[in-house]
C-alpha atoms as a PDB file:
ATOM      1  CA  MET A   1       5.410 -15.671 -18.022  1.00  0.00           C
ATOM      2  CA  ARG A   2       6.661 -18.398 -15.734  1.00  0.00           C
ATOM      3  CA  ALA A   3       3.982 -21.129 -14.736  1.00  0.00           C
ATOM      4  CA  GLY A   4       2.746 -21.512 -11.088  1.00  0.00           C
ATOM      5  CA  SER A   5       2.397 -19.030  -8.426  1.00  0.00           C
ATOM      6  CA  GLU A   6       5.864 -18.290  -7.510  1.00  0.00           C
ATOM      7  CA  MET A   7       7.062 -14.884  -6.484  1.00  0.00           C
ATOM      8  CA  PRO A   8       7.280 -12.890  -9.866  1.00  0.00           C
ATOM      9  CA  ALA A   9      10.869 -11.686 -10.885  1.00  0.00           C
ATOM     10  CA  LEU A  10      11.825  -8.258 -11.324  1.00  0.00           C
ATOM     11  CA  ASP A  11      11.251  -7.989 -14.968  1.00  0.00           C
ATOM     12  CA  GLU A  12       7.612  -9.240 -14.535  1.00  0.00           C
ATOM     13  CA  VAL A  13       6.936  -6.497 -11.705  1.00  0.00           C
ATOM     14  CA  LEU A  14       8.277  -3.854 -13.994  1.00  0.00           C
ATOM     15  CA  HIS A  15       6.031  -5.171 -16.558  1.00  0.00           C
ATOM     16  CA  TYR A  16       2.918  -4.818 -14.465  1.00  0.00           C
ATOM     17  CA  LEU A  17       4.138  -1.522 -12.949  1.00  0.00           C
ATOM     18  CA  THR A  18       4.216  -0.321 -16.530  1.00  0.00           C
ATOM     19  CA  GLY A  19       0.524  -1.423 -16.954  1.00  0.00           C
ATOM     20  CA  ILE A  20      -0.386   0.468 -13.628  1.00  0.00           C
ATOM     21  CA  LEU A  21       1.306   3.598 -15.040  1.00  0.00           C
ATOM     22  CA  HIS A  22      -0.767   3.402 -18.165  1.00  0.00           C
ATOM     23  CA  LEU A  23      -3.904   2.930 -16.217  1.00  0.00           C
ATOM     24  CA  VAL A  24      -3.415   6.007 -13.840  1.00  0.00           C
ATOM     25  CA  ARG A  25      -2.698   7.701 -17.038  1.00  0.00           C
ATOM     26  CA  GLN A  26      -6.303   6.909 -18.114  1.00  0.00           C
ATOM     27  CA  ARG A  27      -4.759   4.822 -20.964  1.00  0.00           C
ATOM     28  CA  PRO A  28      -6.826   1.420 -21.344  1.00  0.00           C
ATOM     29  CA  ASP A  29      -4.008  -0.380 -22.888  1.00  0.00           C
ATOM     30  CA  GLY A  30      -2.569  -0.752 -19.465  1.00  0.00           C
ATOM     31  CA  PHE A  31      -4.833  -3.782 -18.758  1.00  0.00           C
ATOM     32  CA  ARG A  32      -2.910  -5.573 -21.420  1.00  0.00           C
ATOM     33  CA  TRP A  33       0.474  -5.356 -19.280  1.00  0.00           C
ATOM     34  CA  LEU A  34      -1.196  -7.076 -16.397  1.00  0.00           C
ATOM     35  CA  ASP A  35      -2.049 -10.717 -15.628  1.00  0.00           C
ATOM     36  CA  LEU A  36      -5.807 -10.594 -14.889  1.00  0.00           C
ATOM     37  CA  SER A  37      -6.271 -14.341 -14.555  1.00  0.00           C
ATOM     38  CA  TRP A  38      -7.034 -16.149 -11.220  1.00  0.00           C
ATOM     39  CA  ARG A  39      -3.056 -17.135 -11.332  1.00  0.00           C
ATOM     40  CA  GLY A  40      -2.367 -13.477 -11.896  1.00  0.00           C
ATOM     41  CA  LEU A  41      -4.728 -12.561  -8.661  1.00  0.00           C
ATOM     42  CA  ALA A  42      -2.737 -15.083  -6.551  1.00  0.00           C
ATOM     43  CA  ARG A  43       0.620 -13.687  -7.721  1.00  0.00           C
ATOM     44  CA  SER A  44      -0.206 -10.281  -7.140  1.00  0.00           C
ATOM     45  CA  PHE A  45      -0.093 -10.737  -3.440  1.00  0.00           C
ATOM     46  CA  TRP A  46       3.704 -11.148  -3.850  1.00  0.00           C
ATOM     47  CA  ALA A  47       3.567  -7.323  -4.360  1.00  0.00           C
ATOM     48  CA  PHE A  48       3.737  -7.119  -0.325  1.00  0.00           C
ATOM     49  CA  ALA A  49       7.065  -9.160  -0.570  1.00  0.00           C
ATOM     50  CA  TRP A  50       8.431  -6.703  -3.128  1.00  0.00           C
ATOM     51  CA  SER A  51       7.416  -3.867  -0.814  1.00  0.00           C
ATOM     52  CA  LEU A  52       9.340  -5.151   2.154  1.00  0.00           C
ATOM     53  CA  PRO A  53      12.458  -3.184   1.490  1.00  0.00           C
ATOM     54  CA  ALA A  54      10.557   0.021   1.501  1.00  0.00           C
ATOM     55  CA  LEU A  55       8.495  -0.967   4.576  1.00  0.00           C
ATOM     56  CA  ALA A  56      11.812  -1.990   6.498  1.00  0.00           C
ATOM     57  CA  VAL A  57      13.067   1.725   5.943  1.00  0.00           C
ATOM     58  CA  ILE A  58       9.723   2.962   7.358  1.00  0.00           C
ATOM     59  CA  TRP A  59       9.665   0.653  10.302  1.00  0.00           C
ATOM     60  CA  ALA A  60      13.439   1.579  11.210  1.00  0.00           C
ATOM     61  CA  SER A  61      12.678   5.296  11.009  1.00  0.00           C
ATOM     62  CA  TRP A  62       9.341   4.728  13.135  1.00  0.00           C
ATOM     63  CA  ARG A  63      11.655   2.839  15.776  1.00  0.00           C
ATOM     64  CA  LEU A  64      13.974   5.665  16.288  1.00  0.00           C
ATOM     65  CA  TYR A  65      10.894   8.174  16.336  1.00  0.00           C
ATOM     66  CA  PHE A  66       9.364   5.958  19.047  1.00  0.00           C
ATOM     67  CA  LEU A  67      12.693   5.447  21.058  1.00  0.00           C
ATOM     68  CA  GLY A  68      13.362   9.194  20.781  1.00  0.00           C
ATOM     69  CA  ARG A  69      10.056  10.065  22.606  1.00  0.00           C
ATOM     70  CA  MET A  70      10.127   7.394  25.059  1.00  0.00           C
ATOM     71  CA  PRO A  71      11.757   7.247  28.588  1.00  0.00           C
ATOM     72  CA  GLU A  72      15.553   6.279  28.638  1.00  0.00           C
ATOM     73  CA  GLY A  73      15.929   2.470  28.809  1.00  0.00           C
ATOM     74  CA  THR A  74      12.823   1.821  26.489  1.00  0.00           C
ATOM     75  CA  THR A  75      13.749  -0.960  24.131  1.00  0.00           C
ATOM     76  CA  ALA A  76      12.056  -1.637  20.726  1.00  0.00           C
ATOM     77  CA  GLY A  77      13.635  -4.927  19.356  1.00  0.00           C
ATOM     78  CA  ALA A  78      12.400  -7.700  17.135  1.00  0.00           C
ATOM     79  CA  GLU A  79       9.085  -7.896  18.609  1.00  0.00           C
ATOM     80  CA  PHE A  80       8.425  -4.216  18.021  1.00  0.00           C
ATOM     81  CA  ILE A  81       9.339  -4.686  14.384  1.00  0.00           C
ATOM     82  CA  LEU A  82       7.025  -7.672  14.017  1.00  0.00           C
ATOM     83  CA  LYS A  83       4.230  -5.555  15.413  1.00  0.00           C
ATOM     84  CA  LEU A  84       4.640  -3.053  12.682  1.00  0.00           C
ATOM     85  CA  LEU A  85       4.681  -5.900  10.250  1.00  0.00           C
ATOM     86  CA  LEU A  86       1.409  -7.110  11.482  1.00  0.00           C
ATOM     87  CA  ILE A  87      -0.285  -3.456  11.290  1.00  0.00           C
ATOM     88  CA  ASP A  88       1.024  -3.305   7.667  1.00  0.00           C
ATOM     89  CA  VAL A  89      -0.132  -6.811   6.777  1.00  0.00           C
ATOM     90  CA  VAL A  90      -3.669  -5.813   8.128  1.00  0.00           C
ATOM     91  CA  GLY A  91      -3.462  -2.373   6.443  1.00  0.00           C
ATOM     92  CA  TRP A  92      -2.843  -4.081   3.275  1.00  0.00           C
ATOM     93  CA  LEU A  93      -5.494  -6.875   3.491  1.00  0.00           C
ATOM     94  CA  LEU A  94      -8.306  -5.067   5.230  1.00  0.00           C
ATOM     95  CA  PRO A  95      -9.425  -2.894   2.078  1.00  0.00           C
ATOM     96  CA  LEU A  96      -9.177  -5.903  -0.054  1.00  0.00           C
ATOM     97  CA  ALA A  97     -11.362  -7.908   2.348  1.00  0.00           C
ATOM     98  CA  LEU A  98     -13.787  -4.918   2.313  1.00  0.00           C
ATOM     99  CA  LEU A  99     -13.676  -4.476  -1.418  1.00  0.00           C
ATOM    100  CA  THR A 100     -14.572  -8.136  -1.751  1.00  0.00           C
ATOM    101  CA  VAL A 101     -17.534  -8.096   0.639  1.00  0.00           C
ATOM    102  CA  LEU A 102     -19.114  -5.055  -0.943  1.00  0.00           C
ATOM    103  CA  ALA A 103     -18.651  -6.364  -4.694  1.00  0.00           C
ATOM    104  CA  ARG A 104     -22.015  -7.850  -4.873  1.00  0.00           C
ATOM    105  CA  PRO A 105     -24.074  -5.214  -2.989  1.00  0.00           C
ATOM    106  CA  LEU A 106     -22.476  -2.333  -4.876  1.00  0.00           C
ATOM    107  CA  GLY A 107     -22.451  -4.017  -8.221  1.00  0.00           C
ATOM    108  CA  TYR A 108     -18.974  -4.218  -9.301  1.00  0.00           C
ATOM    109  CA  ALA A 109     -18.336  -8.085  -8.837  1.00  0.00           C
ATOM    110  CA  GLN A 110     -17.286  -8.394 -12.311  1.00  0.00           C
ATOM    111  CA  HIS A 111     -14.519  -5.937 -11.917  1.00  0.00           C
ATOM    112  CA  LEU A 112     -13.219  -7.336  -8.737  1.00  0.00           C
ATOM    113  CA  VAL A 113     -10.470  -9.446  -9.663  1.00  0.00           C
ATOM    114  CA  THR A 114      -8.940  -6.811 -11.927  1.00  0.00           C
ATOM    115  CA  MET A 115      -9.383  -4.066  -9.078  1.00  0.00           C
ATOM    116  CA  VAL A 116      -7.492  -6.396  -6.569  1.00  0.00           C
ATOM    117  CA  ILE A 117      -4.720  -7.401  -8.958  1.00  0.00           C
ATOM    118  CA  ALA A 118      -4.156  -3.656  -9.997  1.00  0.00           C
ATOM    119  CA  SER A 119      -4.328  -2.259  -6.321  1.00  0.00           C
ATOM    120  CA  ASN A 120      -1.926  -5.108  -5.278  1.00  0.00           C
ATOM    121  CA  TRP A 121       0.594  -3.720  -7.685  1.00  0.00           C
ATOM    122  CA  ILE A 122       0.073  -0.109  -7.371  1.00  0.00           C
ATOM    123  CA  ALA A 123       0.856  -0.477  -3.723  1.00  0.00           C
ATOM    124  CA  VAL A 124       4.483  -1.254  -4.514  1.00  0.00           C
ATOM    125  CA  PRO A 125       5.443   2.279  -5.702  1.00  0.00           C
ATOM    126  CA  PHE A 126       3.238   3.813  -3.067  1.00  0.00           C
ATOM    127  CA  ALA A 127       5.508   2.015  -0.438  1.00  0.00           C
ATOM    128  CA  TYR A 128       8.723   3.194  -1.773  1.00  0.00           C
ATOM    129  CA  ALA A 129       7.500   6.525  -2.225  1.00  0.00           C
ATOM    130  CA  THR A 130       6.424   6.399   1.356  1.00  0.00           C
ATOM    131  CA  ALA A 131       9.732   5.377   2.371  1.00  0.00           C
ATOM    132  CA  ILE A 132      11.373   8.400   0.876  1.00  0.00           C
ATOM    133  CA  PRO A 133      10.278  10.966   3.661  1.00  0.00           C
ATOM    134  CA  PHE A 134      11.090   8.204   6.262  1.00  0.00           C
ATOM    135  CA  ALA A 135      14.388   7.674   4.988  1.00  0.00           C
ATOM    136  CA  LEU A 136      15.094  11.341   5.025  1.00  0.00           C
ATOM    137  CA  ALA A 137      14.042  11.507   8.605  1.00  0.00           C
ATOM    138  CA  LEU A 138      16.222   8.371   9.376  1.00  0.00           C
ATOM    139  CA  VAL A 139      19.243   9.710   7.720  1.00  0.00           C
ATOM    140  CA  VAL A 140      18.892  13.545   8.417  1.00  0.00           C
ATOM    141  CA  PRO A 141      16.797  13.999  11.540  1.00  0.00           C
ATOM    142  CA  ALA A 142      17.134  17.666  11.266  1.00  0.00           C
ATOM    143  CA  PHE A 143      14.751  17.507   8.411  1.00  0.00           C
ATOM    144  CA  SER A 144      11.966  15.957  10.228  1.00  0.00           C
ATOM    145  CA  ALA A 145       9.509  19.060   9.354  1.00  0.00           C
ATOM    146  CA  LEU A 146      10.396  18.656   5.732  1.00  0.00           C
ATOM    147  CA  SER A 147       9.873  14.745   5.758  1.00  0.00           C
ATOM    148  CA  GLY A 148       6.601  15.444   7.457  1.00  0.00           C
ATOM    149  CA  LEU A 149       5.416  17.674   4.650  1.00  0.00           C
ATOM    150  CA  LEU A 150       6.854  15.403   2.063  1.00  0.00           C
ATOM    151  CA  LEU A 151       4.834  12.622   3.589  1.00  0.00           C
ATOM    152  CA  TYR A 152       1.611  14.619   3.254  1.00  0.00           C
ATOM    153  CA  VAL A 153       2.438  15.063  -0.437  1.00  0.00           C
ATOM    154  CA  VAL A 154       3.019  11.320  -1.047  1.00  0.00           C
ATOM    155  CA  PHE A 155      -0.095  10.658   0.781  1.00  0.00           C
ATOM    156  CA  GLY A 156      -2.335  12.972  -1.106  1.00  0.00           C
ATOM    157  CA  ALA A 157      -0.653  11.897  -4.394  1.00  0.00           C
ATOM    158  CA  SER A 158      -1.447   8.094  -3.694  1.00  0.00           C
ATOM    159  CA  ILE A 159      -5.066   8.800  -3.102  1.00  0.00           C
ATOM    160  CA  VAL A 160      -5.347  10.472  -6.426  1.00  0.00           C
ATOM    161  CA  LEU A 161      -3.555   7.782  -8.387  1.00  0.00           C
ATOM    162  CA  GLN A 162      -5.618   5.115  -6.484  1.00  0.00           C
ATOM    163  CA  TYR A 163      -8.879   6.912  -7.608  1.00  0.00           C
ATOM    164  CA  ARG A 164      -7.614   7.242 -10.954  1.00  0.00           C
ATOM    165  CA  LEU A 165      -6.809   3.562 -11.044  1.00  0.00           C
ATOM    166  CA  LEU A 166      -9.974   2.316  -9.578  1.00  0.00           C
ATOM    167  CA  SER A 167     -12.014   4.698 -11.899  1.00  0.00           C
ATOM    168  CA  MET A 168     -10.265   2.775 -14.949  1.00  0.00           C
ATOM    169  CA  CYS A 169     -10.934  -0.522 -13.405  1.00  0.00           C
ATOM    170  CA  LEU A 170     -14.568   0.265 -13.015  1.00  0.00           C
ATOM    171  CA  GLY A 171     -15.175   1.772 -16.551  1.00  0.00           C
ATOM    172  CA  LYS A 172     -14.683   5.419 -15.252  1.00  0.00           C
ATOM    173  CA  GLN A 173     -17.707   5.255 -12.897  1.00  0.00           C
ATOM    174  CA  ALA A 174     -16.569   8.411 -10.866  1.00  0.00           C
ATOM    175  CA  LEU A 175     -18.623   8.186  -7.766  1.00  0.00           C
ATOM    176  CA  LEU A 176     -18.074   4.436  -7.289  1.00  0.00           C
ATOM    177  CA  ALA A 177     -14.492   4.866  -7.682  1.00  0.00           C
ATOM    178  CA  ALA A 178     -14.363   7.687  -5.200  1.00  0.00           C
ATOM    179  CA  THR A 179     -16.268   5.560  -2.679  1.00  0.00           C
ATOM    180  CA  LEU A 180     -13.854   2.509  -2.903  1.00  0.00           C
ATOM    181  CA  THR A 181     -10.790   5.013  -2.891  1.00  0.00           C
ATOM    182  CA  ALA A 182     -12.110   6.057   0.707  1.00  0.00           C
ATOM    183  CA  LEU A 183     -12.298   2.543   1.425  1.00  0.00           C
ATOM    184  CA  PHE A 184      -8.755   2.073   0.877  1.00  0.00           C
ATOM    185  CA  VAL A 185      -7.673   5.251   2.915  1.00  0.00           C
ATOM    186  CA  LEU A 186      -9.885   5.267   5.822  1.00  0.00           C
ATOM    187  CA  PRO A 187     -10.330   1.903   7.311  1.00  0.00           C
ATOM    188  CA  PRO A 188      -6.582   1.139   7.305  1.00  0.00           C
ATOM    189  CA  LEU A 189      -5.802   4.475   9.065  1.00  0.00           C
ATOM    190  CA  LEU A 190      -8.360   4.014  11.519  1.00  0.00           C
ATOM    191  CA  VAL A 191      -7.710   0.358  12.303  1.00  0.00           C
ATOM    192  CA  GLY A 192      -3.919   0.832  12.074  1.00  0.00           C
ATOM    193  CA  GLN A 193      -4.207   3.816  14.712  1.00  0.00           C
ATOM    194  CA  GLY A 194      -6.161   1.234  16.954  1.00  0.00           C
ATOM    195  CA  LEU A 195      -3.521  -1.353  16.479  1.00  0.00           C
ATOM    196  CA  GLN A 196      -0.738   1.063  17.173  1.00  0.00           C
ATOM    197  CA  VAL A 197      -2.237   1.989  20.550  1.00  0.00           C
ATOM    198  CA  ALA A 198      -3.196  -1.669  21.456  1.00  0.00           C
ATOM    199  CA  LEU A 199       0.161  -2.958  20.451  1.00  0.00           C
ATOM    200  CA  GLY A 200       2.114  -0.445  22.033  1.00  0.00           C
ATOM    201  CA  THR A 201       4.055   1.156  18.999  1.00  0.00           C
ATOM    202  CA  LEU A 202       2.848   4.619  19.717  1.00  0.00           C
ATOM    203  CA  PRO A 203       5.019   6.988  21.765  1.00  0.00           C
ATOM    204  CA  SER A 204       3.053   7.473  25.196  1.00  0.00           C
END
């Protein structure tokens, strides 16, 4: 691996994602594929940058959805996209912040670094999987109902996989893993919805 905390190259990202795949398949050897050092923790936040192409597809699709349900003459330019970027950054960091705050009270502080690193990297395939139904809606608007159904499938699968990942990181403490999975799902949804309303990115 390269020294420093620069953005990981594609081969490194694929290496980490192989470890994530092993972990969601409940294979403990997956930990050996991850860099679980403090350096690895810092570099895991580059996962957001690796997710940007997928997020850009989602933003483009949402922009068309927004414009299609607003009065004629409504604009949604660079500022609109920046608002969506802000919402996604908050949605990414909020559960990690809560995970950190609750680590000592809930007794999983020794697993915190591992969970943050693993959760950052699993977010990359989650982003690209989520982009698929949005891309479908963008390219073939007539398939919007199918896109919506596919989005629910992806969302449900991501919850299951997040739970399986956290369970491995916590030594298969099922109840705690379920609690922390809810933390990764509910606060971003609620805060994201509030930010959408506050920033004006929801059709009115």
